[in-house]
């Protein structure tokens, strides 16, 4: 089972990264690592990966600004995470058109994992998602109710789910609630044995999914 996306917020040894690349479904890189390492540093990190690279920039601006940002990174990754709340016209619409031309994918944030997020925005965000038709969505493991709702509303979309481990959600819970992949960061890169931790988490995911399937048939 390969249902883990590594959220890499801190640099890891290149050999470990190379070994990890075959054990995860992708790697998510955000502003902390980009600002710390710079573009050249990010290039060196990503040379160890030949699978899915997601830039988690939480883009939220007018179209021209977001296009300029993604232009600098489009040759290094496969996908970009964008906030849906900024709206469709003169923002997400134009960015989506640009990314489509570049054969890059877009994930829209449908909800966030921290306590301060307000899901009363969801009806509006849902409409933006419908208009945009992104490749995938971000929905948090820490909010099982909204995760299930997002899956019900957009069953054909790839859902990636943060909030596992350090933020409180248990391994496998997001998969049971509709996510396709679980985003895990600190629990892996702070581990003394990242590879062993990933393999352990994969086993837990499989066991948890089997439990959920058995529960559904009762």
N, C-alpha and C. Protein backbone atom coordinates (compact mmCIF):
# COMPACT_ATOMS: atom_id res chain seq x y z
N UNK A 1 0.85 -1.20 0.00
CA UNK A 1 0.00 0.00 0.00
C UNK A 1 0.88 1.24 0.00
N UNK A 2 0.60 2.15 -0.93
CA UNK A 2 1.39 3.37 -1.05
C UNK A 2 0.44 4.56 -0.98
N UNK A 3 0.04 4.92 0.25
CA UNK A 3 -0.97 5.94 0.45
C UNK A 3 -0.44 7.13 1.25
N UNK A 4 0.88 7.27 1.31
CA UNK A 4 1.49 8.34 2.09
C UNK A 4 2.14 9.36 1.17
N UNK A 5 1.84 10.63 1.42
CA UNK A 5 2.56 11.74 0.80
C UNK A 5 3.40 12.38 1.89
N UNK A 6 4.70 12.44 1.68
CA UNK A 6 5.61 13.01 2.68
C UNK A 6 5.58 14.53 2.61
N UNK A 7 5.23 15.16 3.72
CA UNK A 7 5.31 16.62 3.83
C UNK A 7 6.71 16.96 4.33
N UNK A 8 7.56 17.40 3.42
CA UNK A 8 8.95 17.65 3.77
C UNK A 8 9.14 19.13 4.10
N UNK A 9 9.15 19.45 5.38
CA UNK A 9 9.32 20.83 5.84
C UNK A 9 10.74 21.10 6.32
N UNK A 10 11.51 20.04 6.47
CA UNK A 10 12.90 20.16 6.89
C UNK A 10 13.77 19.27 6.01
N UNK A 11 15.02 19.67 5.76
CA UNK A 11 15.89 18.85 4.90
C UNK A 11 16.24 17.52 5.54
N UNK A 12 16.34 16.49 4.72
CA UNK A 12 16.78 15.17 5.17
C UNK A 12 18.02 14.78 4.39
N UNK A 13 18.77 13.84 4.94
CA UNK A 13 19.94 13.31 4.25
C UNK A 13 19.54 12.81 2.86
N UNK A 14 20.37 13.12 1.86
CA UNK A 14 20.03 12.78 0.48
C UNK A 14 19.83 11.27 0.29
N UNK A 15 20.64 10.46 0.96
CA UNK A 15 20.50 9.01 0.82
C UNK A 15 19.15 8.55 1.37
N UNK A 16 18.77 9.12 2.52
CA UNK A 16 17.48 8.77 3.10
C UNK A 16 16.34 9.19 2.17
N UNK A 17 16.47 10.38 1.60
CA UNK A 17 15.45 10.87 0.68
C UNK A 17 15.31 9.96 -0.53
N UNK A 18 16.44 9.51 -1.04
CA UNK A 18 16.41 8.62 -2.20
C UNK A 18 15.71 7.31 -1.86
N UNK A 19 15.99 6.78 -0.66
CA UNK A 19 15.34 5.55 -0.23
C UNK A 19 13.84 5.76 -0.01
N UNK A 20 13.49 6.93 0.52
CA UNK A 20 12.09 7.23 0.80
C UNK A 20 11.28 7.32 -0.49
N UNK A 21 11.90 7.80 -1.56
CA UNK A 21 11.17 8.09 -2.80
C UNK A 21 10.39 6.88 -3.32
N UNK A 22 10.90 5.70 -3.08
CA UNK A 22 10.22 4.50 -3.57
C UNK A 22 9.15 4.00 -2.60
N UNK A 23 9.08 4.61 -1.42
CA UNK A 23 8.16 4.15 -0.39
C UNK A 23 6.93 5.04 -0.23
N UNK A 24 6.94 6.22 -0.87
CA UNK A 24 5.82 7.14 -0.71
C UNK A 24 5.20 7.45 -2.08
N UNK A 25 3.96 7.93 -2.04
CA UNK A 25 3.25 8.24 -3.28
C UNK A 25 3.63 9.61 -3.83
N UNK A 26 4.28 10.41 -3.01
CA UNK A 26 4.69 11.74 -3.44
C UNK A 26 5.33 12.50 -2.31
N UNK A 27 5.80 13.69 -2.64
CA UNK A 27 6.40 14.57 -1.64
C UNK A 27 5.77 15.94 -1.77
N UNK A 28 5.45 16.53 -0.63
CA UNK A 28 4.85 17.86 -0.60
C UNK A 28 5.86 18.84 -0.02
N UNK A 29 6.13 19.90 -0.76
CA UNK A 29 7.11 20.90 -0.34
C UNK A 29 6.43 22.25 -0.21
N UNK A 30 6.63 22.91 0.93
CA UNK A 30 6.01 24.20 1.18
C UNK A 30 7.01 25.32 1.34
N UNK A 31 6.50 26.47 1.73
CA UNK A 31 7.33 27.66 1.86
C UNK A 31 8.50 27.51 2.83
N UNK A 32 8.34 26.85 4.00
CA UNK A 32 9.48 26.76 4.93
C UNK A 32 10.74 26.20 4.29
N UNK A 33 10.60 25.10 3.56
CA UNK A 33 11.78 24.48 2.94
C UNK A 33 12.27 25.30 1.75
N UNK A 34 11.36 25.87 0.98
CA UNK A 34 11.76 26.69 -0.17
C UNK A 34 12.56 27.90 0.29
N UNK A 35 12.10 28.57 1.34
CA UNK A 35 12.80 29.76 1.82
C UNK A 35 14.13 29.41 2.47
N UNK A 36 14.18 28.26 3.12
CA UNK A 36 15.42 27.84 3.77
C UNK A 36 16.47 27.38 2.76
N UNK A 37 16.05 26.64 1.75
CA UNK A 37 16.98 26.02 0.82
C UNK A 37 17.20 26.83 -0.46
N UNK A 38 16.25 27.69 -0.83
CA UNK A 38 16.35 28.39 -2.10
C UNK A 38 16.05 27.46 -3.26
N UNK A 39 15.93 28.02 -4.46
CA UNK A 39 15.57 27.20 -5.62
C UNK A 39 16.63 26.15 -5.94
N UNK A 40 17.90 26.52 -5.80
CA UNK A 40 18.96 25.55 -6.09
C UNK A 40 18.93 24.40 -5.09
N UNK A 41 18.69 24.73 -3.83
CA UNK A 41 18.59 23.69 -2.82
C UNK A 41 17.42 22.76 -3.06
N UNK A 42 16.30 23.33 -3.48
CA UNK A 42 15.13 22.52 -3.80
C UNK A 42 15.42 21.61 -4.99
N UNK A 43 16.12 22.13 -5.98
CA UNK A 43 16.50 21.30 -7.13
C UNK A 43 17.33 20.10 -6.69
N UNK A 44 18.27 20.33 -5.78
CA UNK A 44 19.13 19.24 -5.30
C UNK A 44 18.32 18.20 -4.52
N UNK A 45 17.35 18.67 -3.75
CA UNK A 45 16.51 17.75 -3.00
C UNK A 45 15.66 16.90 -3.94
N UNK A 46 15.08 17.55 -4.93
CA UNK A 46 14.12 16.86 -5.80
C UNK A 46 14.78 15.93 -6.80
N UNK A 47 16.08 16.04 -6.98
CA UNK A 47 16.73 15.13 -7.92
C UNK A 47 16.68 13.68 -7.43
N UNK A 48 16.36 13.50 -6.14
CA UNK A 48 16.25 12.16 -5.59
C UNK A 48 14.86 11.57 -5.77
N UNK A 49 13.94 12.36 -6.30
CA UNK A 49 12.56 11.90 -6.45
C UNK A 49 12.17 11.84 -7.92
N UNK A 50 11.53 10.74 -8.30
CA UNK A 50 11.00 10.64 -9.65
C UNK A 50 9.50 10.40 -9.62
N UNK A 51 8.89 10.68 -8.45
CA UNK A 51 7.44 10.52 -8.36
C UNK A 51 6.77 11.88 -8.17
N UNK A 52 5.57 11.89 -7.69
CA UNK A 52 4.73 13.09 -7.62
C UNK A 52 5.31 14.16 -6.69
N UNK A 53 5.54 15.36 -7.23
CA UNK A 53 6.03 16.49 -6.44
C UNK A 53 4.93 17.53 -6.36
N UNK A 54 4.48 17.82 -5.14
CA UNK A 54 3.41 18.80 -4.92
C UNK A 54 3.99 20.02 -4.22
N UNK A 55 3.83 21.18 -4.82
CA UNK A 55 4.24 22.42 -4.16
C UNK A 55 3.05 22.97 -3.38
N UNK A 56 3.21 22.97 -2.06
CA UNK A 56 2.15 23.44 -1.17
C UNK A 56 2.41 24.91 -0.84
N UNK A 57 1.98 25.77 -1.75
CA UNK A 57 2.21 27.21 -1.58
C UNK A 57 0.97 27.92 -1.04
N UNK A 58 -0.15 27.19 -0.93
CA UNK A 58 -1.41 27.79 -0.49
C UNK A 58 -1.64 29.12 -1.21
N UNK A 59 -1.52 29.08 -2.52
CA UNK A 59 -1.63 30.29 -3.32
C UNK A 59 -2.99 30.96 -3.12
N UNK A 60 -2.98 32.28 -2.92
CA UNK A 60 -4.22 33.02 -2.68
C UNK A 60 -4.01 34.47 -3.09
N UNK A 61 -4.16 34.74 -4.39
CA UNK A 61 -3.87 36.08 -4.90
C UNK A 61 -4.59 36.27 -6.23
N UNK A 62 -4.31 37.40 -6.88
CA UNK A 62 -4.85 37.61 -8.21
C UNK A 62 -4.12 36.71 -9.21
N UNK A 63 -4.70 36.56 -10.38
CA UNK A 63 -4.16 35.60 -11.34
C UNK A 63 -2.71 35.85 -11.73
N UNK A 64 -2.36 37.10 -12.05
CA UNK A 64 -1.01 37.38 -12.54
C UNK A 64 0.05 37.07 -11.51
N UNK A 65 -0.23 37.35 -10.24
CA UNK A 65 0.74 37.07 -9.18
C UNK A 65 0.95 35.57 -9.02
N UNK A 66 -0.13 34.81 -9.00
CA UNK A 66 0.00 33.36 -8.83
C UNK A 66 0.69 32.72 -10.03
N UNK A 67 0.42 33.23 -11.21
CA UNK A 67 1.07 32.69 -12.41
C UNK A 67 2.57 32.96 -12.36
N UNK A 68 2.96 34.15 -11.90
CA UNK A 68 4.38 34.47 -11.79
C UNK A 68 5.08 33.53 -10.80
N UNK A 69 4.42 33.26 -9.68
CA UNK A 69 5.01 32.38 -8.67
C UNK A 69 5.19 30.97 -9.23
N UNK A 70 4.14 30.44 -9.83
CA UNK A 70 4.22 29.06 -10.33
C UNK A 70 5.17 28.94 -11.52
N UNK A 71 5.38 30.02 -12.25
CA UNK A 71 6.32 29.99 -13.37
C UNK A 71 7.73 29.63 -12.91
N UNK A 72 8.10 30.12 -11.72
CA UNK A 72 9.45 29.85 -11.19
C UNK A 72 9.62 28.41 -10.74
N UNK A 73 8.52 27.71 -10.50
CA UNK A 73 8.61 26.37 -9.92
C UNK A 73 8.05 25.27 -10.83
N UNK A 74 7.43 25.64 -11.93
CA UNK A 74 6.71 24.66 -12.75
C UNK A 74 7.60 23.57 -13.31
N UNK A 75 8.87 23.85 -13.51
CA UNK A 75 9.77 22.83 -14.05
C UNK A 75 10.31 21.88 -12.98
N UNK A 76 9.97 22.16 -11.72
CA UNK A 76 10.48 21.34 -10.61
C UNK A 76 9.44 20.40 -10.04
N UNK A 77 8.17 20.67 -10.31
CA UNK A 77 7.13 19.86 -9.68
C UNK A 77 6.00 19.50 -10.62
N UNK A 78 5.04 18.78 -10.07
CA UNK A 78 3.91 18.28 -10.85
C UNK A 78 2.60 18.99 -10.53
N UNK A 79 2.48 19.49 -9.28
CA UNK A 79 1.20 20.01 -8.83
C UNK A 79 1.39 21.21 -7.91
N UNK A 80 0.31 22.00 -7.79
CA UNK A 80 0.32 23.17 -6.91
C UNK A 80 -0.97 23.19 -6.09
N UNK A 81 -0.82 23.52 -4.80
CA UNK A 81 -1.97 23.65 -3.92
C UNK A 81 -2.38 25.12 -3.86
N UNK A 82 -3.68 25.36 -4.07
CA UNK A 82 -4.21 26.72 -4.18
C UNK A 82 -5.42 26.86 -3.26
N UNK A 83 -5.56 28.03 -2.63
CA UNK A 83 -6.74 28.29 -1.81
C UNK A 83 -7.94 28.58 -2.69
N UNK A 84 -9.05 27.93 -2.40
CA UNK A 84 -10.28 28.14 -3.17
C UNK A 84 -10.98 29.44 -2.81
N UNK A 85 -10.76 29.94 -1.59
CA UNK A 85 -11.56 31.08 -1.12
C UNK A 85 -11.30 32.38 -1.88
N UNK A 86 -10.20 32.44 -2.67
CA UNK A 86 -9.91 33.68 -3.40
C UNK A 86 -10.87 33.89 -4.57
N UNK A 87 -11.61 32.86 -4.93
CA UNK A 87 -12.59 33.01 -5.99
C UNK A 87 -12.09 32.57 -7.35
N UNK A 88 -13.01 32.49 -8.27
CA UNK A 88 -12.73 31.92 -9.59
C UNK A 88 -12.25 32.96 -10.61
N UNK A 89 -13.06 33.99 -10.85
CA UNK A 89 -12.73 34.96 -11.89
C UNK A 89 -11.54 35.84 -11.52
N UNK A 90 -10.68 36.07 -12.50
CA UNK A 90 -9.48 36.90 -12.35
C UNK A 90 -8.56 36.36 -11.25
N UNK A 91 -8.60 35.08 -11.05
CA UNK A 91 -7.75 34.46 -10.03
C UNK A 91 -7.51 33.00 -10.37
N UNK A 92 -8.33 32.11 -9.82
CA UNK A 92 -8.13 30.68 -10.01
C UNK A 92 -8.37 30.26 -11.46
N UNK A 93 -9.34 30.87 -12.11
CA UNK A 93 -9.64 30.49 -13.50
C UNK A 93 -8.41 30.63 -14.39
N UNK A 94 -7.77 31.78 -14.33
CA UNK A 94 -6.62 32.04 -15.18
C UNK A 94 -5.42 31.18 -14.79
N UNK A 95 -5.24 30.96 -13.49
CA UNK A 95 -4.15 30.09 -13.04
C UNK A 95 -4.37 28.67 -13.53
N UNK A 96 -5.60 28.20 -13.45
CA UNK A 96 -5.92 26.84 -13.92
C UNK A 96 -5.63 26.71 -15.42
N UNK A 97 -5.99 27.72 -16.19
CA UNK A 97 -5.71 27.70 -17.63
C UNK A 97 -4.21 27.62 -17.89
N UNK A 98 -3.45 28.39 -17.11
CA UNK A 98 -1.99 28.39 -17.26
C UNK A 98 -1.40 27.03 -16.90
N UNK A 99 -1.83 26.47 -15.77
CA UNK A 99 -1.30 25.18 -15.34
C UNK A 99 -1.69 24.07 -16.31
N UNK A 100 -2.89 24.14 -16.85
CA UNK A 100 -3.31 23.14 -17.85
C UNK A 100 -2.39 23.17 -19.07
N UNK A 101 -2.05 24.37 -19.52
CA UNK A 101 -1.16 24.50 -20.68
C UNK A 101 0.23 23.93 -20.39
N UNK A 102 0.64 24.01 -19.12
CA UNK A 102 1.96 23.53 -18.72
C UNK A 102 1.92 22.06 -18.28
N UNK A 103 0.75 21.43 -18.41
CA UNK A 103 0.57 20.03 -17.98
C UNK A 103 0.86 19.84 -16.49
N UNK A 104 0.43 20.81 -15.70
CA UNK A 104 0.58 20.74 -14.25
C UNK A 104 -0.80 20.63 -13.61
N UNK A 105 -0.84 20.02 -12.43
CA UNK A 105 -2.11 19.78 -11.75
C UNK A 105 -2.36 20.83 -10.67
N UNK A 106 -3.62 21.02 -10.35
CA UNK A 106 -4.02 21.92 -9.28
C UNK A 106 -4.83 21.17 -8.23
N UNK A 107 -4.47 21.40 -6.96
CA UNK A 107 -5.27 20.95 -5.83
C UNK A 107 -5.88 22.18 -5.18
N UNK A 108 -7.18 22.16 -4.93
CA UNK A 108 -7.82 23.26 -4.22
C UNK A 108 -8.06 22.87 -2.77
N UNK A 109 -7.83 23.82 -1.87
CA UNK A 109 -8.05 23.60 -0.44
C UNK A 109 -9.54 23.73 -0.16
N UNK A 110 -10.15 22.65 0.31
CA UNK A 110 -11.58 22.67 0.63
C UNK A 110 -11.83 22.97 2.10
N UNK A 111 -10.81 22.71 2.93
CA UNK A 111 -10.89 22.95 4.36
C UNK A 111 -9.48 22.81 4.90
N UNK A 112 -9.26 23.31 6.13
CA UNK A 112 -7.92 23.19 6.73
C UNK A 112 -7.99 22.46 8.06
N UNK A 113 -6.83 22.00 8.52
CA UNK A 113 -6.78 21.07 9.65
C UNK A 113 -6.71 21.75 11.01
N UNK A 114 -6.42 23.06 11.06
CA UNK A 114 -6.26 23.73 12.34
C UNK A 114 -7.61 24.19 12.91
N UNK A 115 -7.63 24.45 14.22
CA UNK A 115 -8.89 24.76 14.90
C UNK A 115 -9.50 26.09 14.46
N UNK A 116 -8.68 27.01 13.98
CA UNK A 116 -9.19 28.32 13.61
C UNK A 116 -9.97 28.37 12.31
N UNK A 117 -9.90 27.29 11.53
CA UNK A 117 -10.62 27.28 10.25
C UNK A 117 -12.12 27.17 10.47
N UNK A 118 -12.90 27.87 9.67
CA UNK A 118 -14.35 27.88 9.79
C UNK A 118 -14.98 27.23 8.56
N UNK A 119 -15.61 26.09 8.73
CA UNK A 119 -16.20 25.38 7.60
C UNK A 119 -17.53 25.96 7.14
N UNK A 120 -17.94 27.08 7.75
CA UNK A 120 -19.11 27.77 7.21
C UNK A 120 -18.84 28.32 5.81
N UNK A 121 -17.55 28.42 5.45
CA UNK A 121 -17.17 28.85 4.10
C UNK A 121 -17.44 27.77 3.05
N UNK A 122 -17.66 26.54 3.49
CA UNK A 122 -17.65 25.43 2.54
C UNK A 122 -18.64 25.56 1.39
N UNK A 123 -19.89 25.99 1.60
CA UNK A 123 -20.80 26.11 0.46
C UNK A 123 -20.23 26.98 -0.66
N UNK A 124 -19.57 28.08 -0.29
CA UNK A 124 -18.93 28.94 -1.29
C UNK A 124 -17.76 28.23 -1.95
N UNK A 125 -16.91 27.61 -1.13
CA UNK A 125 -15.75 26.89 -1.65
C UNK A 125 -16.19 25.77 -2.59
N UNK A 126 -17.27 25.11 -2.24
CA UNK A 126 -17.80 24.03 -3.08
C UNK A 126 -18.13 24.54 -4.48
N UNK A 127 -18.72 25.72 -4.57
CA UNK A 127 -19.06 26.29 -5.88
C UNK A 127 -17.81 26.63 -6.68
N UNK A 128 -16.78 27.15 -6.00
CA UNK A 128 -15.51 27.46 -6.68
C UNK A 128 -14.88 26.17 -7.22
N UNK A 129 -14.94 25.12 -6.43
CA UNK A 129 -14.39 23.83 -6.86
C UNK A 129 -15.13 23.34 -8.11
N UNK A 130 -16.45 23.45 -8.11
CA UNK A 130 -17.24 23.02 -9.27
C UNK A 130 -16.84 23.78 -10.53
N UNK A 131 -16.66 25.10 -10.39
CA UNK A 131 -16.30 25.92 -11.55
C UNK A 131 -14.90 25.61 -12.05
N UNK A 132 -14.00 25.31 -11.12
CA UNK A 132 -12.59 25.14 -11.46
C UNK A 132 -12.30 23.76 -12.05
N UNK A 133 -12.94 22.74 -11.51
CA UNK A 133 -12.66 21.35 -11.90
C UNK A 133 -11.17 21.03 -11.74
N UNK A 134 -10.64 21.14 -10.52
CA UNK A 134 -9.23 20.86 -10.30
C UNK A 134 -8.94 19.37 -10.37
N UNK A 135 -7.67 19.04 -10.42
CA UNK A 135 -7.28 17.62 -10.40
C UNK A 135 -7.65 16.99 -9.06
N UNK A 136 -7.38 17.72 -7.98
CA UNK A 136 -7.62 17.14 -6.66
C UNK A 136 -7.97 18.19 -5.62
N UNK A 137 -8.22 17.70 -4.41
CA UNK A 137 -8.64 18.55 -3.30
C UNK A 137 -7.84 18.23 -2.05
N UNK A 138 -7.73 19.23 -1.19
CA UNK A 138 -7.12 19.04 0.12
C UNK A 138 -8.23 19.11 1.16
N UNK A 139 -8.37 18.05 1.95
CA UNK A 139 -9.40 18.01 2.99
C UNK A 139 -8.78 17.36 4.23
N UNK A 140 -8.98 17.93 5.41
CA UNK A 140 -8.22 17.52 6.59
C UNK A 140 -8.70 16.25 7.28
N UNK A 141 -7.73 15.49 7.77
CA UNK A 141 -8.04 14.30 8.55
C UNK A 141 -8.63 14.66 9.91
N UNK A 142 -8.34 15.88 10.39
CA UNK A 142 -8.82 16.32 11.70
C UNK A 142 -10.29 16.73 11.69
N UNK A 143 -10.90 16.77 10.51
CA UNK A 143 -12.31 17.13 10.39
C UNK A 143 -13.03 16.05 9.58
N UNK A 144 -13.28 14.91 10.21
CA UNK A 144 -13.86 13.78 9.48
C UNK A 144 -15.20 14.09 8.83
N UNK A 145 -16.00 14.93 9.46
CA UNK A 145 -17.32 15.25 8.89
C UNK A 145 -17.17 15.98 7.56
N UNK A 146 -16.30 16.99 7.51
CA UNK A 146 -16.13 17.74 6.26
C UNK A 146 -15.41 16.90 5.22
N UNK A 147 -14.49 16.04 5.66
CA UNK A 147 -13.80 15.14 4.73
C UNK A 147 -14.80 14.22 4.04
N UNK A 148 -15.71 13.65 4.81
CA UNK A 148 -16.75 12.80 4.23
C UNK A 148 -17.65 13.58 3.27
N UNK A 149 -17.94 14.83 3.64
CA UNK A 149 -18.78 15.67 2.79
C UNK A 149 -18.10 15.97 1.46
N UNK A 150 -16.81 16.31 1.53
CA UNK A 150 -16.05 16.60 0.31
C UNK A 150 -16.01 15.37 -0.60
N UNK A 151 -15.80 14.20 0.00
CA UNK A 151 -15.78 12.96 -0.78
C UNK A 151 -17.14 12.70 -1.44
N UNK A 152 -18.20 12.96 -0.70
CA UNK A 152 -19.55 12.76 -1.24
C UNK A 152 -19.83 13.74 -2.38
N UNK A 153 -19.40 14.99 -2.20
CA UNK A 153 -19.66 16.02 -3.21
C UNK A 153 -18.80 15.86 -4.46
N UNK A 154 -17.57 15.34 -4.25
CA UNK A 154 -16.63 15.22 -5.37
C UNK A 154 -15.97 13.83 -5.37
N UNK A 155 -16.77 12.79 -5.60
CA UNK A 155 -16.25 11.42 -5.49
C UNK A 155 -15.17 11.07 -6.50
N UNK A 156 -15.11 11.82 -7.61
CA UNK A 156 -14.13 11.51 -8.65
C UNK A 156 -12.79 12.19 -8.44
N UNK A 157 -12.71 13.10 -7.47
CA UNK A 157 -11.48 13.85 -7.26
C UNK A 157 -10.50 13.13 -6.33
N UNK A 158 -9.22 13.31 -6.60
CA UNK A 158 -8.19 12.81 -5.70
C UNK A 158 -8.15 13.71 -4.48
N UNK A 159 -8.29 13.11 -3.30
CA UNK A 159 -8.28 13.88 -2.05
C UNK A 159 -7.03 13.54 -1.25
N UNK A 160 -6.27 14.58 -0.93
CA UNK A 160 -5.09 14.40 -0.07
C UNK A 160 -5.40 15.06 1.27
N UNK A 161 -4.97 14.39 2.35
CA UNK A 161 -5.45 14.79 3.67
C UNK A 161 -4.32 15.04 4.66
N UNK A 162 -4.17 16.28 5.13
CA UNK A 162 -3.19 16.60 6.17
C UNK A 162 -3.79 16.46 7.56
N UNK A 163 -2.95 16.70 8.57
CA UNK A 163 -3.41 16.66 9.96
C UNK A 163 -3.14 15.34 10.66
N UNK A 164 -2.38 14.45 10.00
CA UNK A 164 -2.08 13.13 10.58
C UNK A 164 -0.91 13.26 11.55
N UNK A 165 -1.04 12.62 12.70
CA UNK A 165 0.08 12.57 13.64
C UNK A 165 0.15 13.78 14.54
N UNK A 166 1.01 14.73 14.22
CA UNK A 166 1.29 15.87 15.10
C UNK A 166 0.04 16.71 15.37
N UNK A 167 -0.89 16.77 14.42
CA UNK A 167 -2.09 17.58 14.61
C UNK A 167 -3.26 16.79 15.19
N UNK A 168 -3.04 15.51 15.45
CA UNK A 168 -4.02 14.77 16.21
C UNK A 168 -4.75 13.63 15.53
N UNK A 169 -4.86 13.65 14.22
CA UNK A 169 -5.57 12.56 13.53
C UNK A 169 -4.72 11.29 13.52
N UNK A 170 -5.37 10.15 13.59
CA UNK A 170 -4.66 8.87 13.62
C UNK A 170 -4.40 8.36 12.20
N UNK A 171 -3.33 7.59 12.09
CA UNK A 171 -2.98 6.98 10.81
C UNK A 171 -4.16 6.14 10.31
N UNK A 172 -4.54 6.34 9.07
CA UNK A 172 -5.60 5.54 8.46
C UNK A 172 -6.99 6.13 8.56
N UNK A 173 -7.20 7.06 9.49
CA UNK A 173 -8.54 7.63 9.67
C UNK A 173 -9.02 8.36 8.42
N UNK A 174 -8.13 9.15 7.82
CA UNK A 174 -8.52 9.92 6.63
C UNK A 174 -8.88 9.00 5.47
N UNK A 175 -8.13 7.91 5.33
CA UNK A 175 -8.43 6.94 4.26
C UNK A 175 -9.82 6.35 4.46
N UNK A 176 -10.16 6.05 5.69
CA UNK A 176 -11.48 5.49 5.99
C UNK A 176 -12.60 6.49 5.69
N UNK A 177 -12.27 7.77 5.81
CA UNK A 177 -13.29 8.81 5.64
C UNK A 177 -13.34 9.39 4.23
N UNK A 178 -12.55 8.80 3.31
CA UNK A 178 -12.68 9.20 1.92
C UNK A 178 -11.44 9.72 1.23
N UNK A 179 -10.36 9.94 1.97
CA UNK A 179 -9.14 10.44 1.34
C UNK A 179 -8.46 9.35 0.52
N UNK A 180 -7.76 9.77 -0.52
CA UNK A 180 -6.96 8.84 -1.32
C UNK A 180 -5.55 8.68 -0.77
N UNK A 181 -5.05 9.77 -0.16
CA UNK A 181 -3.70 9.77 0.40
C UNK A 181 -3.68 10.55 1.70
N UNK A 182 -2.80 10.14 2.61
CA UNK A 182 -2.60 10.87 3.85
C UNK A 182 -1.26 11.59 3.80
N UNK A 183 -1.28 12.87 4.13
CA UNK A 183 -0.06 13.68 4.16
C UNK A 183 0.53 13.60 5.56
N UNK A 184 1.76 13.13 5.64
CA UNK A 184 2.41 12.96 6.95
C UNK A 184 3.80 13.59 6.87
N UNK A 185 4.13 14.40 7.86
CA UNK A 185 5.41 15.10 7.84
C UNK A 185 6.27 14.82 9.05
N UNK A 186 6.02 15.56 10.13
CA UNK A 186 6.89 15.53 11.31
C UNK A 186 7.08 14.13 11.87
N UNK A 187 6.04 13.33 11.87
CA UNK A 187 6.15 11.98 12.42
C UNK A 187 7.15 11.13 11.66
N UNK A 188 7.41 11.50 10.40
CA UNK A 188 8.38 10.77 9.58
C UNK A 188 9.75 11.41 9.63
N UNK A 189 9.84 12.71 9.29
CA UNK A 189 11.18 13.30 9.17
C UNK A 189 11.84 13.58 10.52
N UNK A 190 11.08 13.57 11.62
CA UNK A 190 11.68 13.68 12.95
C UNK A 190 12.00 12.32 13.56
N UNK A 191 11.65 11.26 12.85
CA UNK A 191 11.90 9.90 13.33
C UNK A 191 13.38 9.54 13.18
N UNK A 192 13.87 8.72 14.09
CA UNK A 192 15.25 8.23 13.98
C UNK A 192 15.39 7.25 12.82
N UNK A 193 14.28 6.67 12.41
CA UNK A 193 14.28 5.71 11.30
C UNK A 193 13.12 6.04 10.36
N UNK A 194 13.28 7.03 9.49
CA UNK A 194 12.17 7.45 8.61
C UNK A 194 11.62 6.33 7.75
N UNK A 195 12.49 5.50 7.18
CA UNK A 195 12.02 4.41 6.32
C UNK A 195 11.20 3.42 7.13
N UNK A 196 11.71 3.03 8.29
CA UNK A 196 10.99 2.11 9.15
C UNK A 196 9.65 2.67 9.59
N UNK A 197 9.62 3.97 9.86
CA UNK A 197 8.38 4.62 10.26
C UNK A 197 7.35 4.60 9.14
N UNK A 198 7.79 4.86 7.92
CA UNK A 198 6.88 4.82 6.77
C UNK A 198 6.30 3.42 6.60
N UNK A 199 7.14 2.41 6.69
CA UNK A 199 6.67 1.03 6.54
C UNK A 199 5.67 0.66 7.64
N UNK A 200 5.95 1.14 8.85
CA UNK A 200 5.03 0.90 9.97
C UNK A 200 3.69 1.59 9.72
N UNK A 201 3.74 2.83 9.25
CA UNK A 201 2.51 3.58 8.97
C UNK A 201 1.70 2.92 7.86
N UNK A 202 2.38 2.40 6.85
CA UNK A 202 1.68 1.73 5.75
C UNK A 202 0.94 0.50 6.25
N UNK A 203 1.56 -0.21 7.17
CA UNK A 203 0.92 -1.39 7.75
C UNK A 203 -0.32 -0.99 8.55
N UNK A 204 -0.19 0.10 9.32
CA UNK A 204 -1.32 0.59 10.10
C UNK A 204 -2.46 1.04 9.18
N UNK A 205 -2.10 1.73 8.10
CA UNK A 205 -3.12 2.17 7.13
C UNK A 205 -3.91 0.99 6.58
N UNK A 206 -3.19 -0.05 6.20
CA UNK A 206 -3.84 -1.22 5.62
C UNK A 206 -4.76 -1.88 6.64
N UNK A 207 -4.29 -2.01 7.88
CA UNK A 207 -5.10 -2.61 8.94
C UNK A 207 -6.34 -1.77 9.21
N UNK A 208 -6.16 -0.45 9.25
CA UNK A 208 -7.28 0.46 9.52
C UNK A 208 -8.32 0.40 8.40
N UNK A 209 -7.87 0.36 7.16
CA UNK A 209 -8.81 0.26 6.03
C UNK A 209 -9.59 -1.04 6.07
N UNK A 210 -8.91 -2.12 6.42
CA UNK A 210 -9.60 -3.41 6.53
C UNK A 210 -10.65 -3.38 7.63
N UNK A 211 -10.33 -2.72 8.74
CA UNK A 211 -11.29 -2.57 9.84
C UNK A 211 -12.53 -1.81 9.36
N UNK A 212 -12.30 -0.74 8.62
CA UNK A 212 -13.41 0.08 8.13
C UNK A 212 -14.29 -0.69 7.16
N UNK A 213 -13.66 -1.47 6.29
CA UNK A 213 -14.42 -2.26 5.33
C UNK A 213 -15.27 -3.31 6.03
N UNK A 214 -14.68 -3.93 7.07
CA UNK A 214 -15.45 -4.93 7.83
C UNK A 214 -16.63 -4.28 8.53
N UNK A 215 -16.41 -3.07 9.07
CA UNK A 215 -17.47 -2.37 9.77
C UNK A 215 -18.62 -2.01 8.83
N UNK A 216 -18.30 -1.70 7.58
CA UNK A 216 -19.33 -1.33 6.60
C UNK A 216 -20.22 -2.51 6.23
N UNK A 217 -19.68 -3.72 6.33
CA UNK A 217 -20.44 -4.91 5.93
C UNK A 217 -21.25 -5.50 7.07
N UNK A 218 -21.10 -4.97 8.26
CA UNK A 218 -21.85 -5.51 9.39
C UNK A 218 -23.30 -5.06 9.37
